[in-house]
Amino acid sequence: PERILEECKIVGYETVACPWLDDEYHNEYGFKKVANEFNKAGKYFYDNGVILVYHNHGFEFKKYNGKTGFEIMMEETDPRYLQTEIDTYWVQYAGGDPVEWILKYKGRCPIVHLKDMMIKNNWEHQMMEIGEGNLNWESIFKALKEVGTKWYVVEQDNCNDRGPFESVKISLQN
């Protein structure tokens, strides 16, 4: 954490993200265990003026005794020490509603990753530029304004046979 904080200070980052959890944490006990670790690391960053956020994928939305791993992790952490970096595509991929999850963590959603989803002919999910898929962007942006999200990050993991600059241009235009 000390080295990461030093890099944040040099570059001027306000947040630092945990982008993934190893397989050992993909269970009820693992989400509780990592929450404890996030509380410790998050307090260190918080005390030094940086916010720790967690970037979700799909696996965090598996349920354990009626709660998703994401809910377990967020309930077990102090809101000052862990906030979210919701990824709209992955929430939808996991069967959730991005608007619902954004609103659920009002006050804990300073940054969001925006990408759209389309269902291909063989029922596979495909990442798409904003406005080129099925997500309800009007509702998503309304929710982001309501919760006070500061950073809207267009994240396009693949560009669907387009160049990255064309891809980002499409998202920004839409």
Protein backbone atom coordinates (compact mmCIF):
# COMPACT_ATOMS: atom_id res chain seq x y z
CA PRO A 1 0.00 0.00 0.00
CA GLU A 2 2.85 2.42 0.70
CA ARG A 3 4.25 2.14 -2.82
CA ILE A 4 0.79 2.41 -4.38
CA LEU A 5 0.02 5.51 -2.28
CA GLU A 6 3.32 7.07 -3.37
CA GLU A 7 2.40 6.50 -7.02
CA CYS A 8 -1.09 7.96 -6.43
CA LYS A 9 0.42 11.09 -4.91
CA ILE A 10 2.95 11.50 -7.76
CA VAL A 11 0.28 11.18 -10.47
CA GLY A 12 -2.47 12.96 -8.50
CA TYR A 13 -4.93 10.08 -8.37
CA GLU A 14 -7.92 10.49 -6.06
CA THR A 15 -8.81 6.79 -6.19
CA VAL A 16 -7.03 3.47 -6.39
CA ALA A 17 -8.89 0.40 -7.62
CA CYS A 18 -8.78 -3.27 -6.87
CA PRO A 19 -9.68 -4.67 -10.29
CA TRP A 20 -10.06 -8.38 -9.54
CA LEU A 21 -10.15 -11.02 -6.83
CA ASP A 22 -8.29 -14.30 -7.15
CA ASP A 23 -10.34 -17.50 -7.25
CA GLU A 24 -9.76 -18.19 -3.54
CA TYR A 25 -12.11 -15.28 -2.74
CA HIS A 26 -14.96 -16.42 -5.02
CA ASN A 27 -17.08 -17.80 -2.17
CA GLU A 28 -18.97 -16.50 0.86
CA TYR A 29 -16.03 -16.82 3.25
CA GLY A 30 -13.70 -15.28 0.66
CA PHE A 31 -15.85 -12.16 0.26
CA LYS A 32 -15.89 -11.72 4.05
CA LYS A 33 -12.15 -12.28 4.25
CA VAL A 34 -11.35 -9.78 1.50
CA ALA A 35 -13.72 -7.26 3.09
CA ASN A 36 -11.59 -7.41 6.22
CA GLU A 37 -8.48 -6.83 4.11
CA PHE A 38 -10.17 -3.93 2.29
CA ASN A 39 -11.06 -2.32 5.62
CA LYS A 40 -7.39 -2.32 6.61
CA ALA A 41 -6.01 -1.16 3.27
CA GLY A 42 -8.89 1.26 2.73
CA LYS A 43 -8.29 2.93 6.10
CA TYR A 44 -4.63 3.43 5.18
CA PHE A 45 -5.57 5.05 1.86
CA TYR A 46 -8.42 7.08 3.41
CA ASP A 47 -6.14 8.43 6.12
CA ASN A 48 -3.81 9.56 3.33
CA GLY A 49 -6.44 11.20 1.11
CA VAL A 50 -7.04 8.43 -1.45
CA ILE A 51 -10.23 6.41 -1.92
CA LEU A 52 -10.05 2.63 -2.40
CA VAL A 53 -12.65 1.34 -4.87
CA TYR A 54 -13.55 -2.13 -6.08
CA HIS A 55 -14.22 -2.81 -9.78
CA ASN A 56 -16.76 -5.58 -10.28
CA HIS A 57 -17.03 -8.27 -12.90
CA GLY A 58 -19.74 -10.94 -13.08
CA PHE A 59 -18.64 -13.46 -10.45
CA GLU A 60 -19.37 -11.10 -7.54
CA PHE A 61 -23.10 -11.43 -8.23
CA LYS A 62 -23.36 -15.11 -7.39
CA LYS A 63 -25.58 -15.52 -4.33
CA TYR A 64 -24.64 -17.09 -1.02
CA ASN A 65 -27.51 -17.52 1.46
CA GLY A 66 -29.58 -14.90 -0.36
CA LYS A 67 -26.86 -12.25 -0.78
CA THR A 68 -24.48 -11.66 -3.63
CA GLY A 69 -20.76 -11.73 -3.00
CA PHE A 70 -20.73 -8.03 -3.89
CA GLU A 71 -23.34 -7.29 -1.20
CA ILE A 72 -21.42 -9.32 1.36
CA MET A 73 -18.20 -7.47 0.56
CA MET A 74 -19.84 -4.04 0.67
CA GLU A 75 -21.81 -4.74 3.87
CA GLU A 76 -18.68 -5.98 5.63
CA THR A 77 -16.65 -2.86 4.77
CA ASP A 78 -16.71 0.65 6.17
CA PRO A 79 -18.07 2.97 3.43
CA ARG A 80 -15.14 5.31 4.04
CA TYR A 81 -12.67 2.54 3.33
CA LEU A 82 -14.21 0.82 0.30
CA GLN A 83 -16.29 2.35 -2.45
CA THR A 84 -17.40 1.03 -5.81
CA GLU A 85 -16.28 1.31 -9.38
CA ILE A 86 -19.38 -0.26 -10.91
CA ASP A 87 -18.96 -1.69 -14.41
CA THR A 88 -22.30 -1.44 -16.22
CA TYR A 89 -21.60 -4.29 -18.64
CA TRP A 90 -20.62 -6.79 -15.96
CA VAL A 91 -23.60 -5.98 -13.76
CA GLN A 92 -25.92 -6.61 -16.73
CA TYR A 93 -23.94 -9.72 -17.72
CA ALA A 94 -24.54 -11.15 -14.24
CA GLY A 95 -28.29 -10.55 -14.56
CA GLY A 96 -28.44 -7.36 -12.51
CA ASP A 97 -29.73 -3.90 -13.31
CA PRO A 98 -26.90 -1.33 -13.37
CA VAL A 99 -29.30 1.40 -12.20
CA GLU A 100 -30.36 -0.64 -9.17
CA TRP A 101 -26.76 -1.31 -8.14
CA ILE A 102 -25.66 2.30 -8.68
CA LEU A 103 -28.55 3.58 -6.54
CA LYS A 104 -27.93 0.91 -3.90
CA TYR A 105 -24.46 2.32 -3.26
CA LYS A 106 -25.29 6.03 -3.23
CA GLY A 107 -22.41 7.80 -1.57
CA ARG A 108 -20.05 4.95 -2.46
CA CYS A 109 -19.92 5.27 -6.25
CA PRO A 110 -17.35 7.95 -7.17
CA ILE A 111 -16.35 6.32 -10.45
CA VAL A 112 -18.14 4.05 -12.94
CA HIS A 113 -17.00 2.07 -15.97
CA LEU A 114 -19.38 2.48 -18.88
CA LYS A 115 -19.76 -0.10 -21.58
CA ASP A 116 -22.78 -1.48 -23.35
CA MET A 117 -23.94 -5.04 -24.01
CA MET A 118 -25.45 -6.70 -27.03
CA ILE A 119 -26.72 -10.24 -27.42
CA LYS A 120 -25.33 -11.87 -30.55
CA ASN A 121 -27.27 -14.30 -32.74
CA ASN A 122 -26.00 -17.32 -30.81
CA TRP A 123 -27.08 -15.72 -27.48
CA GLU A 124 -23.53 -14.76 -26.54
CA HIS A 125 -22.92 -11.47 -24.76
CA GLN A 126 -20.81 -8.94 -26.60
CA MET A 127 -19.25 -5.76 -25.21
CA MET A 128 -20.34 -2.75 -27.22
CA GLU A 129 -19.78 0.96 -27.43
CA ILE A 130 -22.21 3.05 -25.38
CA GLY A 131 -25.52 3.32 -27.20
CA GLU A 132 -24.82 0.37 -29.50
CA GLY A 133 -26.25 -2.30 -27.22
CA ASN A 134 -29.19 -2.93 -24.92
CA LEU A 135 -28.45 -0.97 -21.73
CA ASN A 136 -30.81 1.85 -20.73
CA TRP A 137 -28.37 4.78 -20.77
CA GLU A 138 -30.95 7.46 -19.97
CA SER A 139 -31.73 5.70 -16.68
CA ILE A 140 -28.07 4.92 -15.98
CA PHE A 141 -26.97 8.56 -16.40
CA LYS A 142 -29.91 9.76 -14.31
CA ALA A 143 -28.84 7.38 -11.52
CA LEU A 144 -25.20 8.46 -11.77
CA LYS A 145 -26.23 12.10 -11.39
CA GLU A 146 -28.47 11.22 -8.45
CA VAL A 147 -25.69 9.44 -6.54
CA GLY A 148 -23.07 12.08 -7.36
CA THR A 149 -20.68 9.96 -9.42
CA LYS A 150 -17.67 12.13 -10.28
CA TRP A 151 -15.91 10.07 -12.97
CA TYR A 152 -17.60 8.41 -15.96
CA VAL A 153 -14.99 6.18 -17.61
CA VAL A 154 -15.62 4.66 -21.04
CA GLU A 155 -14.01 1.24 -20.86
CA GLN A 156 -14.06 -0.79 -24.04
CA ASP A 157 -12.31 -4.13 -23.52
CA ASN A 158 -12.54 -4.95 -27.21
CA CYS A 159 -13.42 -2.69 -30.09
CA ASN A 160 -15.44 -5.09 -32.26
CA ASP A 161 -13.08 -4.92 -35.24
CA ARG A 162 -12.87 -1.13 -34.94
CA GLY A 163 -9.85 0.83 -33.90
CA PRO A 164 -9.83 2.08 -30.30
CA PHE A 165 -10.19 5.74 -31.31
CA GLU A 166 -13.20 4.99 -33.51
CA SER A 167 -14.71 2.95 -30.69
CA VAL A 168 -14.32 5.69 -28.09
CA LYS A 169 -15.63 8.27 -30.58
CA ILE A 170 -18.82 6.20 -31.03
CA SER A 171 -19.30 5.97 -27.26
CA LEU A 172 -18.75 9.69 -26.75
CA GLN A 173 -21.06 10.65 -29.62
CA ASN A 174 -23.82 8.37 -28.35
